């Protein structure tokens, strides 16, 4: 009977050690995956921000051009009205 207890105790100890090792391994892998995903997300966000900035620059240039044309046309019309 004491042989069974000893074996059960050893078995429980081994199970506990395996559990601890598996937890460490799982934690390590989760951290690695988290770092990889964080990197991927940051790259994706940087690309999207860059794309949005480029598009907003194009819109700004187009708006400046339209405002200049409108101002020029308005100035021309005002000059005709004044003469």
Protein backbone atom coordinates (compact mmCIF):
# COMPACT_ATOMS: atom_id res chain seq x y z
CA UNK A 1 0.00 0.00 0.00
CA UNK A 2 2.88 2.38 0.79
CA UNK A 3 4.36 1.48 -2.61
CA UNK A 4 1.16 2.69 -4.29
CA UNK A 5 1.21 5.91 -2.27
CA UNK A 6 4.81 6.51 -3.20
CA UNK A 7 4.05 5.85 -6.85
CA UNK A 8 0.99 8.10 -6.73
CA UNK A 9 3.02 10.84 -5.05
CA UNK A 10 5.74 10.57 -7.69
CA UNK A 11 3.12 10.53 -10.44
CA UNK A 12 1.42 13.62 -9.01
CA UNK A 13 4.81 15.36 -8.73
CA UNK A 14 5.60 14.54 -12.36
CA UNK A 15 2.20 15.78 -13.46
CA UNK A 16 2.79 19.02 -11.54
CA UNK A 17 6.20 19.49 -13.15
CA UNK A 18 4.78 18.84 -16.61
CA UNK A 19 1.97 21.29 -15.92
CA UNK A 20 4.47 23.98 -14.88
CA UNK A 21 6.65 23.34 -17.95
CA UNK A 22 3.64 23.45 -20.25
CA UNK A 23 2.48 26.73 -18.69
CA UNK A 24 5.92 28.24 -19.23
CA UNK A 25 6.00 27.02 -22.84
CA UNK A 26 2.47 28.27 -23.52
CA UNK A 27 3.23 31.66 -21.98
CA UNK A 28 6.37 31.93 -24.10
CA UNK A 29 4.51 31.09 -27.29
CA UNK A 30 1.67 33.48 -26.51
CA UNK A 31 4.19 36.28 -25.90
CA UNK A 32 5.92 35.51 -29.19
CA UNK A 33 2.64 35.47 -31.11
CA UNK A 34 1.57 38.70 -29.42
CA UNK A 35 4.81 40.39 -30.45
CA UNK A 36 4.45 39.15 -34.03
CA UNK A 37 0.84 40.32 -34.24
CA UNK A 38 1.72 43.69 -32.71
CA UNK A 39 4.42 44.13 -35.35
CA UNK A 40 2.05 43.19 -38.16
CA UNK A 41 -0.62 45.56 -36.85
CA UNK A 42 1.84 48.43 -36.51
CA UNK A 43 3.07 47.88 -40.09
CA UNK A 44 -0.51 47.79 -41.37
CA UNK A 45 -1.45 50.94 -39.47
CA UNK A 46 1.66 52.72 -40.76
CA UNK A 47 0.76 51.76 -44.33
CA UNK A 48 -2.81 52.93 -43.94
CA UNK A 49 -1.77 56.20 -42.31
CA UNK A 50 0.72 56.82 -45.10
CA UNK A 51 -1.95 56.08 -47.69
CA UNK A 52 -4.43 58.40 -45.97
CA UNK A 53 -1.82 61.17 -45.78
CA UNK A 54 -1.03 60.79 -49.47
CA UNK A 55 -4.72 60.91 -50.39
CA UNK A 56 -5.34 63.94 -48.19
CA UNK A 57 -2.37 65.70 -49.83
CA UNK A 58 -3.91 65.08 -53.25
CA UNK A 59 -7.26 66.40 -52.03
CA UNK A 60 -5.54 69.46 -50.56
CA UNK A 61 -3.73 70.16 -53.83
CA UNK A 62 -6.97 69.77 -55.79
CA UNK A 63 -8.82 72.06 -53.39
CA UNK A 64 -6.07 74.69 -53.61
CA UNK A 65 -6.26 74.56 -57.38
CA UNK A 66 -10.05 74.91 -57.37
CA UNK A 67 -9.92 77.77 -54.88
CA UNK A 68 -7.34 79.58 -57.00
CA UNK A 69 -9.47 79.14 -60.14
CA UNK A 70 -12.57 80.29 -58.28
CA UNK A 71 -10.74 83.32 -56.85
CA UNK A 72 -9.36 84.22 -60.25
CA UNK A 73 -12.78 83.88 -61.88
CA UNK A 74 -14.45 85.88 -59.10
CA UNK A 75 -11.81 88.61 -59.38
CA UNK A 76 -12.29 88.73 -63.14
CA UNK A 77 -16.06 89.05 -62.79
CA UNK A 78 -15.70 91.77 -60.16
CA UNK A 79 -13.36 93.69 -62.43
CA UNK A 80 -15.91 93.48 -65.28
CA UNK A 81 -18.68 94.69 -62.99
CA UNK A 82 -16.59 97.64 -61.86
CA UNK A 83 -15.86 98.80 -65.42
